[in-house]
Amino acid sequence: MTTTTSFEPAELTAADRCDRCGARAYVRVMLPVGELLFCAHHAREHADSYREIATHIQDETAKLYSEN
């Protein structure tokens, strides 16, 4: 018998920081060997590259508009 579970990463918080610049992360890119966190700016800048290799992309950029 095989059991598969769907992994859903935890919601990003203010403690999660962009791996490029240290700003608040709004995008988590799951890779076969780890993860990368990006602010909205760097997520847009590098999207073409990580979309090719990501196993899951958690995009919470909508928070930028709902937190005001």
PDB file of N, CA and C in Angstrom:
ATOM      1  N   MET A   1       0.839  -1.171   0.000  1.00  0.00           N
ATOM      2  CA  MET A   1       0.000   0.000   0.000  1.00  0.00           C
ATOM      3  C   MET A   1       0.890   1.243   0.000  1.00  0.00           C
ATOM      4  N   THR A   2       0.597   2.177  -0.869  1.00  0.00           N
ATOM      5  CA  THR A   2       1.358   3.415  -0.966  1.00  0.00           C
ATOM      6  C   THR A   2       0.490   4.582  -0.537  1.00  0.00           C
ATOM      7  N   THR A   3       1.042   5.410   0.327  1.00  0.00           N
ATOM      8  CA  THR A   3       0.335   6.593   0.784  1.00  0.00           C
ATOM      9  C   THR A   3       1.099   7.819   0.308  1.00  0.00           C
ATOM     10  N   THR A   4       0.410   8.701  -0.356  1.00  0.00           N
ATOM     11  CA  THR A   4       1.038   9.956  -0.761  1.00  0.00           C
ATOM     12  C   THR A   4       0.351  11.099  -0.041  1.00  0.00           C
ATOM     13  N   THR A   5       1.147  12.039   0.373  1.00  0.00           N
ATOM     14  CA  THR A   5       0.598  13.213   1.038  1.00  0.00           C
ATOM     15  C   THR A   5       0.985  14.444   0.240  1.00  0.00           C
ATOM     16  N   SER A   6       0.131  15.412   0.270  1.00  0.00           N
ATOM     17  CA  SER A   6       0.399  16.670  -0.420  1.00  0.00           C
ATOM     18  C   SER A   6       1.054  17.621   0.567  1.00  0.00           C
ATOM     19  N   PHE A   7       2.252  18.072   0.220  1.00  0.00           N
ATOM     20  CA  PHE A   7       2.975  18.998   1.083  1.00  0.00           C
ATOM     21  C   PHE A   7       2.563  20.418   0.743  1.00  0.00           C
ATOM     22  N   GLU A   8       2.053  21.121   1.713  1.00  0.00           N
ATOM     23  CA  GLU A   8       1.690  22.520   1.539  1.00  0.00           C
ATOM     24  C   GLU A   8       2.540  23.314   2.522  1.00  0.00           C
ATOM     25  N   PRO A   9       3.490  24.115   2.022  1.00  0.00           N
ATOM     26  CA  PRO A   9       4.357  24.859   2.928  1.00  0.00           C
ATOM     27  C   PRO A   9       3.582  25.861   3.782  1.00  0.00           C
ATOM     28  N   ALA A  10       4.137  26.182   4.921  1.00  0.00           N
ATOM     29  CA  ALA A  10       3.502  27.132   5.834  1.00  0.00           C
ATOM     30  C   ALA A  10       3.422  28.515   5.199  1.00  0.00           C
ATOM     31  N   GLU A  11       2.451  29.290   5.644  1.00  0.00           N
ATOM     32  CA  GLU A  11       2.291  30.659   5.162  1.00  0.00           C
ATOM     33  C   GLU A  11       3.555  31.463   5.471  1.00  0.00           C
ATOM     34  N   LEU A  12       3.952  32.307   4.542  1.00  0.00           N
ATOM     35  CA  LEU A  12       5.115  33.157   4.749  1.00  0.00           C
ATOM     36  C   LEU A  12       4.780  34.252   5.760  1.00  0.00           C
ATOM     37  N   THR A  13       5.746  34.590   6.609  1.00  0.00           N
ATOM     38  CA  THR A  13       5.544  35.623   7.623  1.00  0.00           C
ATOM     39  C   THR A  13       6.580  36.728   7.450  1.00  0.00           C
ATOM     40  N   ALA A  14       6.496  37.748   8.265  1.00  0.00           N
ATOM     41  CA  ALA A  14       7.455  38.848   8.218  1.00  0.00           C
ATOM     42  C   ALA A  14       8.871  38.386   8.567  1.00  0.00           C
ATOM     43  N   ALA A  15       8.993  37.257   9.213  1.00  0.00           N
ATOM     44  CA  ALA A  15      10.317  36.722   9.554  1.00  0.00           C
ATOM     45  C   ALA A  15      11.006  36.071   8.347  1.00  0.00           C
ATOM     46  N   ASP A  16      10.252  35.741   7.306  1.00  0.00           N
ATOM     47  CA  ASP A  16      10.823  35.138   6.101  1.00  0.00           C
ATOM     48  C   ASP A  16      11.404  36.245   5.229  1.00  0.00           C
ATOM     49  N   ARG A  17      12.678  36.120   4.880  1.00  0.00           N
ATOM     50  CA  ARG A  17      13.389  37.174   4.178  1.00  0.00           C
ATOM     51  C   ARG A  17      13.873  36.698   2.809  1.00  0.00           C
ATOM     52  N   CYS A  18      13.918  37.623   1.859  1.00  0.00           N
ATOM     53  CA  CYS A  18      14.376  37.359   0.501  1.00  0.00           C
ATOM     54  C   CYS A  18      15.838  36.918   0.527  1.00  0.00           C
ATOM     55  N   ASP A  19      16.147  35.856  -0.201  1.00  0.00           N
ATOM     56  CA  ASP A  19      17.522  35.358  -0.273  1.00  0.00           C
ATOM     57  C   ASP A  19      18.432  36.279  -1.076  1.00  0.00           C
ATOM     58  N   ARG A  20      17.894  37.183  -1.848  1.00  0.00           N
ATOM     59  CA  ARG A  20      18.697  38.101  -2.660  1.00  0.00           C
ATOM     60  C   ARG A  20      19.005  39.401  -1.923  1.00  0.00           C
ATOM     61  N   CYS A  21      18.002  39.987  -1.244  1.00  0.00           N
ATOM     62  CA  CYS A  21      18.211  41.332  -0.693  1.00  0.00           C
ATOM     63  C   CYS A  21      17.835  41.479   0.780  1.00  0.00           C
ATOM     64  N   GLY A  22      17.185  40.492   1.364  1.00  0.00           N
ATOM     65  CA  GLY A  22      16.814  40.571   2.772  1.00  0.00           C
ATOM     66  C   GLY A  22      15.473  41.221   3.061  1.00  0.00           C
ATOM     67  N   ALA A  23      14.767  41.691   2.022  1.00  0.00           N
ATOM     68  CA  ALA A  23      13.429  42.252   2.215  1.00  0.00           C
ATOM     69  C   ALA A  23      12.452  41.126   2.573  1.00  0.00           C
ATOM     70  N   ARG A  24      11.263  41.485   2.987  1.00  0.00           N
ATOM     71  CA  ARG A  24      10.257  40.479   3.325  1.00  0.00           C
ATOM     72  C   ARG A  24       9.968  39.602   2.112  1.00  0.00           C
ATOM     73  N   ALA A  25       9.935  38.299   2.332  1.00  0.00           N
ATOM     74  CA  ALA A  25       9.673  37.348   1.251  1.00  0.00           C
ATOM     75  C   ALA A  25       8.179  37.152   1.051  1.00  0.00           C
ATOM     76  N   TYR A  26       7.767  37.152  -0.198  1.00  0.00           N
ATOM     77  CA  TYR A  26       6.377  36.890  -0.559  1.00  0.00           C
ATOM     78  C   TYR A  26       6.246  35.697  -1.500  1.00  0.00           C
ATOM     79  N   VAL A  27       7.365  35.130  -1.921  1.00  0.00           N
ATOM     80  CA  VAL A  27       7.351  33.980  -2.825  1.00  0.00           C
ATOM     81  C   VAL A  27       8.339  32.942  -2.313  1.00  0.00           C
ATOM     82  N   ARG A  28       7.850  31.703  -2.185  1.00  0.00           N
ATOM     83  CA  ARG A  28       8.702  30.561  -1.832  1.00  0.00           C
ATOM     84  C   ARG A  28       8.770  29.657  -3.054  1.00  0.00           C
ATOM     85  N   VAL A  29       9.977  29.349  -3.475  1.00  0.00           N
ATOM     86  CA  VAL A  29      10.185  28.463  -4.617  1.00  0.00           C
ATOM     87  C   VAL A  29      10.780  27.166  -4.081  1.00  0.00           C
ATOM     88  N   MET A  30      10.005  26.094  -4.174  1.00  0.00           N
ATOM     89  CA  MET A  30      10.480  24.781  -3.737  1.00  0.00           C
ATOM     90  C   MET A  30      11.225  24.141  -4.901  1.00  0.00           C
ATOM     91  N   LEU A  31      12.432  23.677  -4.620  1.00  0.00           N
ATOM     92  CA  LEU A  31      13.285  23.026  -5.608  1.00  0.00           C
ATOM     93  C   LEU A  31      13.492  21.575  -5.202  1.00  0.00           C
ATOM     94  N   PRO A  32      13.978  20.734  -6.097  1.00  0.00           N
ATOM     95  CA  PRO A  32      14.220  19.340  -5.729  1.00  0.00           C
ATOM     96  C   PRO A  32      15.188  19.191  -4.543  1.00  0.00           C
ATOM     97  N   VAL A  33      16.029  20.186  -4.297  1.00  0.00           N
ATOM     98  CA  VAL A  33      17.040  20.079  -3.245  1.00  0.00           C
ATOM     99  C   VAL A  33      16.963  21.185  -2.200  1.00  0.00           C
ATOM    100  N   GLY A  34      15.848  21.866  -2.065  1.00  0.00           N
ATOM    101  CA  GLY A  34      15.724  22.933  -1.079  1.00  0.00           C
ATOM    102  C   GLY A  34      14.694  23.956  -1.502  1.00  0.00           C
ATOM    103  N   GLU A  35      14.854  25.167  -1.003  1.00  0.00           N
ATOM    104  CA  GLU A  35      13.915  26.226  -1.328  1.00  0.00           C
ATOM    105  C   GLU A  35      14.639  27.562  -1.431  1.00  0.00           C
ATOM    106  N   LEU A  36      14.005  28.484  -2.130  1.00  0.00           N
ATOM    107  CA  LEU A  36      14.468  29.863  -2.217  1.00  0.00           C
ATOM    108  C   LEU A  36      13.319  30.767  -1.832  1.00  0.00           C
ATOM    109  N   LEU A  37      13.627  31.868  -1.160  1.00  0.00           N
ATOM    110  CA  LEU A  37      12.626  32.859  -0.801  1.00  0.00           C
ATOM    111  C   LEU A  37      12.947  34.148  -1.538  1.00  0.00           C
ATOM    112  N   PHE A  38      11.907  34.803  -2.071  1.00  0.00           N
ATOM    113  CA  PHE A  38      12.095  36.035  -2.815  1.00  0.00           C
ATOM    114  C   PHE A  38      11.091  37.096  -2.385  1.00  0.00           C
ATOM    115  N   CYS A  39      11.547  38.355  -2.395  1.00  0.00           N
ATOM    116  CA  CYS A  39      10.612  39.478  -2.299  1.00  0.00           C
ATOM    117  C   CYS A  39       9.872  39.532  -3.640  1.00  0.00           C
ATOM    118  N   ALA A  40       8.848  40.343  -3.743  1.00  0.00           N
ATOM    119  CA  ALA A  40       8.073  40.412  -4.989  1.00  0.00           C
ATOM    120  C   ALA A  40       8.943  40.860  -6.164  1.00  0.00           C
ATOM    121  N   HIS A  41       9.816  41.828  -5.933  1.00  0.00           N
ATOM    122  CA  HIS A  41      10.680  42.345  -6.990  1.00  0.00           C
ATOM    123  C   HIS A  41      11.590  41.257  -7.557  1.00  0.00           C
ATOM    124  N   HIS A  42      12.288  40.552  -6.689  1.00  0.00           N
ATOM    125  CA  HIS A  42      13.215  39.527  -7.159  1.00  0.00           C
ATOM    126  C   HIS A  42      12.480  38.300  -7.686  1.00  0.00           C
ATOM    127  N   ALA A  43      11.291  38.033  -7.186  1.00  0.00           N
ATOM    128  CA  ALA A  43      10.492  36.933  -7.729  1.00  0.00           C
ATOM    129  C   ALA A  43      10.161  37.203  -9.194  1.00  0.00           C
ATOM    130  N   ARG A  44       9.745  38.433  -9.498  1.00  0.00           N
ATOM    131  CA  ARG A  44       9.459  38.788 -10.894  1.00  0.00           C
ATOM    132  C   ARG A  44      10.724  38.731 -11.747  1.00  0.00           C
ATOM    133  N   GLU A  45      11.825  39.233 -11.200  1.00  0.00           N
ATOM    134  CA  GLU A  45      13.084  39.294 -11.945  1.00  0.00           C
ATOM    135  C   GLU A  45      13.594  37.909 -12.331  1.00  0.00           C
ATOM    136  N   HIS A  46      13.434  36.926 -11.452  1.00  0.00           N
ATOM    137  CA  HIS A  46      13.999  35.601 -11.672  1.00  0.00           C
ATOM    138  C   HIS A  46      12.967  34.536 -12.048  1.00  0.00           C
ATOM    139  N   ALA A  47      11.741  34.921 -12.280  1.00  0.00           N
ATOM    140  CA  ALA A  47      10.655  33.967 -12.532  1.00  0.00           C
ATOM    141  C   ALA A  47      10.935  33.030 -13.697  1.00  0.00           C
ATOM    142  N   ASP A  48      11.453  33.541 -14.800  1.00  0.00           N
ATOM    143  CA  ASP A  48      11.712  32.680 -15.958  1.00  0.00           C
ATOM    144  C   ASP A  48      12.685  31.563 -15.614  1.00  0.00           C
ATOM    145  N   SER A  49      13.658  31.843 -14.779  1.00  0.00           N
ATOM    146  CA  SER A  49      14.658  30.833 -14.405  1.00  0.00           C
ATOM    147  C   SER A  49      14.102  29.790 -13.455  1.00  0.00           C
ATOM    148  N   TYR A  50      13.406  30.216 -12.389  1.00  0.00           N
ATOM    149  CA  TYR A  50      12.979  29.225 -11.404  1.00  0.00           C
ATOM    150  C   TYR A  50      11.752  28.445 -11.840  1.00  0.00           C
ATOM    151  N   ARG A  51      10.931  28.983 -12.713  1.00  0.00           N
ATOM    152  CA  ARG A  51       9.760  28.225 -13.180  1.00  0.00           C
ATOM    153  C   ARG A  51      10.164  26.938 -13.885  1.00  0.00           C
ATOM    154  N   GLU A  52      11.321  26.932 -14.504  1.00  0.00           N
ATOM    155  CA  GLU A  52      11.803  25.753 -15.237  1.00  0.00           C
ATOM    156  C   GLU A  52      12.188  24.607 -14.314  1.00  0.00           C
ATOM    157  N   ILE A  53      12.588  24.915 -13.079  1.00  0.00           N
ATOM    158  CA  ILE A  53      13.103  23.864 -12.195  1.00  0.00           C
ATOM    159  C   ILE A  53      12.306  23.680 -10.906  1.00  0.00           C
ATOM    160  N   ALA A  54      11.368  24.562 -10.618  1.00  0.00           N
ATOM    161  CA  ALA A  54      10.618  24.504  -9.355  1.00  0.00           C
ATOM    162  C   ALA A  54       9.692  23.295  -9.300  1.00  0.00           C
ATOM    163  N   THR A  55       9.574  22.732  -8.114  1.00  0.00           N
ATOM    164  CA  THR A  55       8.602  21.665  -7.893  1.00  0.00           C
ATOM    165  C   THR A  55       7.289  22.250  -7.359  1.00  0.00           C
ATOM    166  N   HIS A  56       7.373  23.437  -6.756  1.00  0.00           N
ATOM    167  CA  HIS A  56       6.186  24.130  -6.235  1.00  0.00           C
ATOM    168  C   HIS A  56       6.543  25.604  -6.067  1.00  0.00           C
ATOM    169  N   ILE A  57       5.613  26.480  -6.396  1.00  0.00           N
ATOM    170  CA  ILE A  57       5.802  27.916  -6.195  1.00  0.00           C
ATOM    171  C   ILE A  57       4.662  28.426  -5.327  1.00  0.00           C
ATOM    172  N   GLN A  58       5.010  28.997  -4.202  1.00  0.00           N
ATOM    173  CA  GLN A  58       4.031  29.573  -3.270  1.00  0.00           C
ATOM    174  C   GLN A  58       4.113  31.082  -3.428  1.00  0.00           C
ATOM    175  N   ASP A  59       3.124  31.669  -4.050  1.00  0.00           N
ATOM    176  CA  ASP A  59       3.126  33.101  -4.346  1.00  0.00           C
ATOM    177  C   ASP A  59       2.105  33.807  -3.460  1.00  0.00           C
ATOM    178  N   GLU A  60       2.578  34.620  -2.552  1.00  0.00           N
ATOM    179  CA  GLU A  60       1.709  35.365  -1.635  1.00  0.00           C
ATOM    180  C   GLU A  60       1.815  36.870  -1.877  1.00  0.00           C
ATOM    181  N   THR A  61       2.126  37.268  -3.105  1.00  0.00           N
ATOM    182  CA  THR A  61       2.269  38.695  -3.411  1.00  0.00           C
ATOM    183  C   THR A  61       0.948  39.451  -3.265  1.00  0.00           C
ATOM    184  N   ALA A  62      -0.174  38.764  -3.264  1.00  0.00           N
ATOM    185  CA  ALA A  62      -1.464  39.435  -3.053  1.00  0.00           C
ATOM    186  C   ALA A  62      -1.516  40.097  -1.682  1.00  0.00           C
ATOM    187  N   LYS A  63      -0.707  39.635  -0.734  1.00  0.00           N
ATOM    188  CA  LYS A  63      -0.653  40.249   0.605  1.00  0.00           C
ATOM    189  C   LYS A  63      -0.200  41.702   0.519  1.00  0.00           C
ATOM    190  N   LEU A  64       0.566  42.033  -0.482  1.00  0.00           N
ATOM    191  CA  LEU A  64       1.046  43.405  -0.630  1.00  0.00           C
ATOM    192  C   LEU A  64      -0.111  44.385  -0.775  1.00  0.00           C
ATOM    193  N   TYR A  65      -1.200  43.925  -1.324  1.00  0.00           N
ATOM    194  CA  TYR A  65      -2.355  44.788  -1.567  1.00  0.00           C
ATOM    195  C   TYR A  65      -3.414  44.685  -0.482  1.00  0.00           C
ATOM    196  N   SER A  66      -3.376  43.610   0.298  1.00  0.00           N
ATOM    197  CA  SER A  66      -4.426  43.408   1.297  1.00  0.00           C
ATOM    198  C   SER A  66      -4.021  43.833   2.704  1.00  0.00           C
ATOM    199  N   GLU A  67      -2.759  44.151   2.940  1.00  0.00           N
ATOM    200  CA  GLU A  67      -2.297  44.480   4.291  1.00  0.00           C
ATOM    201  C   GLU A  67      -2.396  45.947   4.638  1.00  0.00           C
ATOM    202  N   ASN A  68      -2.802  46.784   3.733  1.00  0.00           N
ATOM    203  CA  ASN A  68      -2.868  48.221   4.001  1.00  0.00           C
ATOM    204  C   ASN A  68      -4.054  48.595   4.820  1.00  0.00           C
TER     205      ASN A  68
END
